[in-house]
Amino acid sequence: MIEINNLSFARGNFLVFKNISFTVNSGEILVLRGPNGKGKTTLLSNIIQLLDPLSGEIKYQESKVDSYIASQCFLYLGENHFAYDQLSLSQNIDYWLSIHNVTFDKTIRDQSIRYLFGELNLNKKFYQLSFGQKKKLQLLLLMLVNKPIWILDDPFNGLDNDTIIKITTLLSKKLENKGIIIIASHQNLAIPHRTYDLT
C-alpha cells in the first residue's frame, strides 16, 4: 500500500496543492483527474521524490518514501522521453534497461518490442520516430522492468487505439499481480479504477 498524507506543495508563494491525502492498495489503480495546471504532474513528481513537498508525507509499506525507495520500487514514465536523438531505437532500449539494471534474453526483449512496435526497423534513430512511437518506447519499460509501483503521467497521449488496448492489457496484468498504479490522465480507463480529483 502507498499512502499520501496531507501533502502540500508550493512554488515560491504560489500554493500548487494543499493537504492531499489518499491511499492506493496492492492490486489497485488510482487515476488523478483535474484541469491542466492543477498540479497532477507536480504531485507525481513529489511522489517519486523529484520534488520536495512543503509538508506531508509519502509512505510505502509503512516506510517513509525516500529517493532510494523511489528508485527501487517506483517505475515512473513522464512527459519527457529521456532518450538520445542520435541513438537507434534498439540502443535507447538497451540504455534504459541498463539504467534499471535489467538484463534480458534477447529473444524476450525482441518479442516485447514487436508487441508494441510491430516490424519497425530497430536501427531507426530516435529523432526519426513519430510522437506515438517515442511514447511506445517509454511504455516498453512496463513490459521489461519489474517494479511494484507504476507512476504514469498521461500514458495514452499520442497513442493509436490498438496500442491503447495493449497498454490497458498490461495495466490489467499488473493489477492481477498485485501491483500498484497511479496515473494522471484525461482518458477514460476500460478497467476498474478509483479517481482522485484535483480541483
C-alpha atoms as a PDB file:
ATOM      1  CA  MET A   1       0.000   0.000   0.000  1.00  0.00           C
ATOM      2  CA  ILE A   2       1.142   3.531  -0.753  1.00  0.00           C
ATOM      3  CA  GLU A   3      -0.121   6.364   1.457  1.00  0.00           C
ATOM      4  CA  ILE A   4      -0.181  10.083   0.717  1.00  0.00           C
ATOM      5  CA  ASN A   5      -0.841  12.026   3.912  1.00  0.00           C
ATOM      6  CA  ASN A   6      -1.679  15.756   3.917  1.00  0.00           C
ATOM      7  CA  LEU A   7       0.732  16.529   1.105  1.00  0.00           C
ATOM      8  CA  SER A   8       1.193  20.188   0.146  1.00  0.00           C
ATOM      9  CA  PHE A   9       3.494  21.783  -2.409  1.00  0.00           C
ATOM     10  CA  ALA A  10       4.346  25.391  -3.261  1.00  0.00           C
ATOM     11  CA  ARG A  11       6.405  27.173  -5.888  1.00  0.00           C
ATOM     12  CA  GLY A  12       7.589  30.315  -4.214  1.00  0.00           C
ATOM     13  CA  ASN A  13       4.488  31.957  -2.781  1.00  0.00           C
ATOM     14  CA  PHE A  14       2.147  30.003  -5.070  1.00  0.00           C
ATOM     15  CA  LEU A  15       0.448  27.016  -3.417  1.00  0.00           C
ATOM     16  CA  VAL A  16       0.078  24.343  -6.104  1.00  0.00           C
ATOM     17  CA  PHE A  17      -1.924  21.918  -3.941  1.00  0.00           C
ATOM     18  CA  LYS A  18      -2.745  21.570  -0.259  1.00  0.00           C
ATOM     19  CA  ASN A  19      -3.402  18.677   2.129  1.00  0.00           C
ATOM     20  CA  ILE A  20      -3.793  15.919  -0.444  1.00  0.00           C
ATOM     21  CA  SER A  21      -4.421  12.514   1.126  1.00  0.00           C
ATOM     22  CA  PHE A  22      -5.191   9.128  -0.394  1.00  0.00           C
ATOM     23  CA  THR A  23      -4.120   5.501  -0.259  1.00  0.00           C
ATOM     24  CA  VAL A  24      -3.668   3.004  -3.062  1.00  0.00           C
ATOM     25  CA  ASN A  25      -3.702  -0.681  -2.183  1.00  0.00           C
ATOM     26  CA  SER A  26      -1.967  -3.561  -3.902  1.00  0.00           C
ATOM     27  CA  GLY A  27      -3.905  -4.624  -6.989  1.00  0.00           C
ATOM     28  CA  GLU A  28      -5.468  -1.175  -7.356  1.00  0.00           C
ATOM     29  CA  ILE A  29      -5.229   1.699  -9.816  1.00  0.00           C
ATOM     30  CA  LEU A  30      -5.841   5.352  -8.948  1.00  0.00           C
ATOM     31  CA  VAL A  31      -6.438   7.913 -11.689  1.00  0.00           C
ATOM     32  CA  LEU A  32      -5.669  11.563 -10.946  1.00  0.00           C
ATOM     33  CA  ARG A  33      -8.094  13.919 -12.656  1.00  0.00           C
ATOM     34  CA  GLY A  34      -8.197  17.672 -12.980  1.00  0.00           C
ATOM     35  CA  PRO A  35      -7.760  20.565 -15.402  1.00  0.00           C
ATOM     36  CA  ASN A  36      -4.332  21.456 -16.734  1.00  0.00           C
ATOM     37  CA  GLY A  37      -2.358  23.464 -14.215  1.00  0.00           C
ATOM     38  CA  LYS A  38      -3.927  21.856 -11.148  1.00  0.00           C
ATOM     39  CA  GLY A  39      -0.757  20.019 -10.194  1.00  0.00           C
ATOM     40  CA  LYS A  40      -1.190  16.434 -11.418  1.00  0.00           C
ATOM     41  CA  THR A  41       2.334  16.172 -12.832  1.00  0.00           C
ATOM     42  CA  THR A  42       3.731  18.052  -9.834  1.00  0.00           C
ATOM     43  CA  LEU A  43       2.018  15.610  -7.474  1.00  0.00           C
ATOM     44  CA  LEU A  44       3.546  12.657  -9.312  1.00  0.00           C
ATOM     45  CA  SER A  45       6.957  14.357  -9.129  1.00  0.00           C
ATOM     46  CA  ASN A  46       6.528  14.672  -5.363  1.00  0.00           C
ATOM     47  CA  ILE A  47       5.609  11.004  -5.036  1.00  0.00           C
ATOM     48  CA  ILE A  48       8.726   9.848  -6.886  1.00  0.00           C
ATOM     49  CA  GLN A  49      10.983  12.285  -4.977  1.00  0.00           C
ATOM     50  CA  LEU A  50      11.858  14.555  -7.880  1.00  0.00           C
ATOM     51  CA  LEU A  51      10.351  17.436  -5.900  1.00  0.00           C
ATOM     52  CA  ASP A  52      10.209  18.028  -2.151  1.00  0.00           C
ATOM     53  CA  PRO A  53       6.776  18.729  -0.664  1.00  0.00           C
ATOM     54  CA  LEU A  54       6.080  21.742   1.504  1.00  0.00           C
ATOM     55  CA  SER A  55       4.537  19.439   4.107  1.00  0.00           C
ATOM     56  CA  GLY A  56       3.040  15.991   4.493  1.00  0.00           C
ATOM     57  CA  GLU A  57       4.455  12.536   3.931  1.00  0.00           C
ATOM     58  CA  ILE A  58       4.517   9.670   1.459  1.00  0.00           C
ATOM     59  CA  LYS A  59       4.741   6.097   2.755  1.00  0.00           C
ATOM     60  CA  TYR A  60       5.111   2.735   1.058  1.00  0.00           C
ATOM     61  CA  GLN A  61       4.537  -0.396   3.133  1.00  0.00           C
ATOM     62  CA  GLU A  62       4.699   1.693   6.303  1.00  0.00           C
ATOM     63  CA  SER A  63       8.105   3.186   5.424  1.00  0.00           C
ATOM     64  CA  LYS A  64       8.627   6.829   4.524  1.00  0.00           C
ATOM     65  CA  VAL A  65       9.487   7.101   0.849  1.00  0.00           C
ATOM     66  CA  ASP A  66      12.938   8.496   0.145  1.00  0.00           C
ATOM     67  CA  SER A  67      14.969   8.647  -3.052  1.00  0.00           C
ATOM     68  CA  TYR A  68      16.308   5.106  -2.532  1.00  0.00           C
ATOM     69  CA  ILE A  69      12.872   3.539  -2.078  1.00  0.00           C
ATOM     70  CA  ALA A  70      11.578   5.517  -5.047  1.00  0.00           C
ATOM     71  CA  SER A  71      14.402   4.304  -7.291  1.00  0.00           C
ATOM     72  CA  GLN A  72      13.991   0.690  -6.232  1.00  0.00           C
ATOM     73  CA  CYS A  73      10.201   0.423  -6.118  1.00  0.00           C
ATOM     74  CA  PHE A  74       8.737   3.030  -8.496  1.00  0.00           C
ATOM     75  CA  LEU A  75       8.726   2.962 -12.286  1.00  0.00           C
ATOM     76  CA  TYR A  76       7.955   6.490 -13.490  1.00  0.00           C
ATOM     77  CA  LEU A  77       7.004   7.347 -17.049  1.00  0.00           C
ATOM     78  CA  GLY A  78       6.607  11.082 -17.501  1.00  0.00           C
ATOM     79  CA  GLU A  79       6.127  13.645 -20.218  1.00  0.00           C
ATOM     80  CA  ASN A  80       9.812  13.734 -21.177  1.00  0.00           C
ATOM     81  CA  HIS A  81      11.164  10.874 -23.239  1.00  0.00           C
ATOM     82  CA  PHE A  82      14.646  10.693 -21.670  1.00  0.00           C
ATOM     83  CA  ALA A  83      16.102   9.297 -24.882  1.00  0.00           C
ATOM     84  CA  TYR A  84      19.007  10.222 -27.119  1.00  0.00           C
ATOM     85  CA  ASP A  85      18.096  11.534 -30.561  1.00  0.00           C
ATOM     86  CA  GLN A  86      21.171  10.125 -32.297  1.00  0.00           C
ATOM     87  CA  LEU A  87      20.865   6.641 -30.808  1.00  0.00           C
ATOM     88  CA  SER A  88      18.800   3.994 -32.527  1.00  0.00           C
ATOM     89  CA  LEU A  89      15.576   2.614 -31.092  1.00  0.00           C
ATOM     90  CA  SER A  90      17.435  -0.555 -30.097  1.00  0.00           C
ATOM     91  CA  GLN A  91      20.302   1.388 -28.478  1.00  0.00           C
ATOM     92  CA  ASN A  92      17.912   3.556 -26.456  1.00  0.00           C
ATOM     93  CA  ILE A  93      16.082   0.464 -25.211  1.00  0.00           C
ATOM     94  CA  ASP A  94      19.328  -1.178 -24.098  1.00  0.00           C
ATOM     95  CA  TYR A  95      20.424   2.077 -22.437  1.00  0.00           C
ATOM     96  CA  TRP A  96      17.184   2.359 -20.465  1.00  0.00           C
ATOM     97  CA  LEU A  97      17.354  -1.261 -19.375  1.00  0.00           C
ATOM     98  CA  SER A  98      20.920  -0.738 -18.157  1.00  0.00           C
ATOM     99  CA  ILE A  99      19.791   2.246 -16.063  1.00  0.00           C
ATOM    100  CA  HIS A 100      17.227  -0.006 -14.365  1.00  0.00           C
ATOM    101  CA  ASN A 101      19.776  -2.839 -14.009  1.00  0.00           C
ATOM    102  CA  VAL A 102      17.672  -5.147 -16.160  1.00  0.00           C
ATOM    103  CA  THR A 103      19.188  -7.921 -18.230  1.00  0.00           C
ATOM    104  CA  PHE A 104      17.057  -9.874 -20.673  1.00  0.00           C
ATOM    105  CA  ASP A 105      17.397 -12.704 -23.095  1.00  0.00           C
ATOM    106  CA  LYS A 106      17.473 -11.007 -26.484  1.00  0.00           C
ATOM    107  CA  THR A 107      14.544 -13.145 -27.689  1.00  0.00           C
ATOM    108  CA  ILE A 108      12.293 -11.934 -24.861  1.00  0.00           C
ATOM    109  CA  ARG A 109      13.370  -8.345 -25.404  1.00  0.00           C
ATOM    110  CA  ASP A 110      12.667  -8.564 -29.140  1.00  0.00           C
ATOM    111  CA  GLN A 111       9.260 -10.201 -28.573  1.00  0.00           C
ATOM    112  CA  SER A 112       8.283  -7.313 -26.299  1.00  0.00           C
ATOM    113  CA  ILE A 113       9.468  -4.791 -28.879  1.00  0.00           C
ATOM    114  CA  ARG A 114       7.443  -6.436 -31.642  1.00  0.00           C
ATOM    115  CA  TYR A 115       4.357  -6.478 -29.404  1.00  0.00           C
ATOM    116  CA  LEU A 116       4.348  -2.672 -29.321  1.00  0.00           C
ATOM    117  CA  PHE A 117       6.215  -1.706 -32.482  1.00  0.00           C
ATOM    118  CA  GLY A 118       5.401  -4.458 -34.961  1.00  0.00           C
ATOM    119  CA  GLU A 119       8.125  -4.775 -37.580  1.00  0.00           C
ATOM    120  CA  LEU A 120       9.558  -1.281 -37.128  1.00  0.00           C
ATOM    121  CA  ASN A 121      13.240  -1.009 -38.033  1.00  0.00           C
ATOM    122  CA  LEU A 122      15.088  -1.043 -34.703  1.00  0.00           C
ATOM    123  CA  ASN A 123      18.045   0.778 -36.248  1.00  0.00           C
ATOM    124  CA  LYS A 124      15.899   3.861 -36.813  1.00  0.00           C
ATOM    125  CA  LYS A 125      17.209   6.902 -34.931  1.00  0.00           C
ATOM    126  CA  PHE A 126      15.090   8.251 -32.099  1.00  0.00           C
ATOM    127  CA  TYR A 127      14.660  11.651 -33.778  1.00  0.00           C
ATOM    128  CA  GLN A 128      13.140   9.869 -36.793  1.00  0.00           C
ATOM    129  CA  LEU A 129      10.326   8.333 -34.749  1.00  0.00           C
ATOM    130  CA  SER A 130       6.817   9.757 -34.611  1.00  0.00           C
ATOM    131  CA  PHE A 131       5.457  11.118 -31.323  1.00  0.00           C
ATOM    132  CA  GLY A 132       3.437   7.944 -30.818  1.00  0.00           C
ATOM    133  CA  GLN A 133       6.464   5.735 -31.481  1.00  0.00           C
ATOM    134  CA  LYS A 134       8.515   7.716 -28.964  1.00  0.00           C
ATOM    135  CA  LYS A 135       5.736   7.203 -26.439  1.00  0.00           C
ATOM    136  CA  LYS A 136       5.753   3.465 -27.132  1.00  0.00           C
ATOM    137  CA  LEU A 137       9.466   3.387 -26.367  1.00  0.00           C
ATOM    138  CA  GLN A 138       8.684   4.615 -22.865  1.00  0.00           C
ATOM    139  CA  LEU A 139       5.810   2.203 -22.427  1.00  0.00           C
ATOM    140  CA  LEU A 140       8.040  -0.704 -23.396  1.00  0.00           C
ATOM    141  CA  LEU A 141       9.570  -0.367 -19.932  1.00  0.00           C
ATOM    142  CA  LEU A 142       6.250  -1.533 -18.470  1.00  0.00           C
ATOM    143  CA  MET A 143       6.920  -4.891 -20.095  1.00  0.00           C
ATOM    144  CA  LEU A 144      10.599  -5.190 -19.248  1.00  0.00           C
ATOM    145  CA  VAL A 145      11.149  -3.524 -15.852  1.00  0.00           C
ATOM    146  CA  ASN A 146       9.642  -5.269 -12.840  1.00  0.00           C
ATOM    147  CA  LYS A 147       8.881  -2.743 -10.112  1.00  0.00           C
ATOM    148  CA  PRO A 148       5.874  -2.918  -7.766  1.00  0.00           C
ATOM    149  CA  ILE A 149       4.570   0.611  -8.357  1.00  0.00           C
ATOM    150  CA  TRP A 150       3.925   2.293 -11.690  1.00  0.00           C
ATOM    151  CA  ILE A 151       3.617   6.089 -11.746  1.00  0.00           C
ATOM    152  CA  LEU A 152       2.381   7.155 -15.189  1.00  0.00           C
ATOM    153  CA  ASP A 153       1.864  10.693 -16.459  1.00  0.00           C
ATOM    154  CA  ASP A 154      -0.633  10.801 -19.341  1.00  0.00           C
ATOM    155  CA  PRO A 155       0.484   7.420 -20.733  1.00  0.00           C
ATOM    156  CA  PHE A 156      -2.141   7.248 -23.500  1.00  0.00           C
ATOM    157  CA  ASN A 157      -1.382  10.619 -25.082  1.00  0.00           C
ATOM    158  CA  GLY A 158      -0.469  10.275 -28.762  1.00  0.00           C
ATOM    159  CA  LEU A 159      -1.228   6.553 -28.992  1.00  0.00           C
ATOM    160  CA  ASP A 160      -3.474   4.828 -31.521  1.00  0.00           C
ATOM    161  CA  ASN A 161      -6.417   2.714 -30.355  1.00  0.00           C
ATOM    162  CA  ASP A 162      -4.629  -0.604 -30.863  1.00  0.00           C
ATOM    163  CA  THR A 163      -1.737   0.492 -28.652  1.00  0.00           C
ATOM    164  CA  ILE A 164      -4.113   1.856 -26.003  1.00  0.00           C
ATOM    165  CA  ILE A 165      -5.743  -1.583 -25.860  1.00  0.00           C
ATOM    166  CA  LYS A 166      -2.327  -3.235 -25.477  1.00  0.00           C
ATOM    167  CA  ILE A 167      -1.314  -0.858 -22.686  1.00  0.00           C
ATOM    168  CA  THR A 168      -4.646  -1.385 -20.930  1.00  0.00           C
ATOM    169  CA  THR A 169      -3.953  -5.128 -21.053  1.00  0.00           C
ATOM    170  CA  LEU A 170      -0.555  -4.524 -19.424  1.00  0.00           C
ATOM    171  CA  LEU A 171      -2.226  -2.462 -16.692  1.00  0.00           C
ATOM    172  CA  SER A 172      -4.717  -5.262 -16.032  1.00  0.00           C
ATOM    173  CA  LYS A 173      -1.928  -7.827 -15.738  1.00  0.00           C
ATOM    174  CA  LYS A 174      -0.072  -5.563 -13.325  1.00  0.00           C
ATOM    175  CA  LEU A 175      -3.142  -5.387 -11.099  1.00  0.00           C
ATOM    176  CA  GLU A 176      -3.572  -9.174 -11.251  1.00  0.00           C
ATOM    177  CA  ASN A 177      -0.016  -9.442  -9.923  1.00  0.00           C
ATOM    178  CA  LYS A 178      -0.919  -7.121  -7.022  1.00  0.00           C
ATOM    179  CA  GLY A 179       0.949  -4.135  -8.376  1.00  0.00           C
ATOM    180  CA  ILE A 180       0.043  -0.520  -7.621  1.00  0.00           C
ATOM    181  CA  ILE A 181      -0.632   2.018 -10.380  1.00  0.00           C
ATOM    182  CA  ILE A 182      -1.104   5.787 -10.132  1.00  0.00           C
ATOM    183  CA  ILE A 183      -1.982   7.555 -13.380  1.00  0.00           C
ATOM    184  CA  ALA A 184      -2.542  11.177 -14.301  1.00  0.00           C
ATOM    185  CA  SER A 185      -4.799  11.011 -17.343  1.00  0.00           C
ATOM    186  CA  HIS A 186      -7.749  12.604 -19.114  1.00  0.00           C
ATOM    187  CA  GLN A 187      -8.595   9.278 -20.762  1.00  0.00           C
ATOM    188  CA  ASN A 188     -11.372   7.038 -19.510  1.00  0.00           C
ATOM    189  CA  LEU A 189      -9.920   3.679 -18.480  1.00  0.00           C
ATOM    190  CA  ALA A 190     -11.630   0.493 -19.595  1.00  0.00           C
ATOM    191  CA  ILE A 191     -10.680  -1.310 -16.374  1.00  0.00           C
ATOM    192  CA  PRO A 192     -11.922  -0.815 -12.797  1.00  0.00           C
ATOM    193  CA  HIS A 193     -10.232   2.088 -11.039  1.00  0.00           C
ATOM    194  CA  ARG A 194     -10.665   4.812  -8.450  1.00  0.00           C
ATOM    195  CA  THR A 195     -10.294   8.503  -9.162  1.00  0.00           C
ATOM    196  CA  TYR A 196      -8.927  11.432  -7.197  1.00  0.00           C
ATOM    197  CA  ASP A 197      -9.931  14.884  -8.396  1.00  0.00           C
ATOM    198  CA  LEU A 198      -7.548  17.818  -8.090  1.00  0.00           C
ATOM    199  CA  THR A 199      -9.845  20.821  -8.270  1.00  0.00           C
END
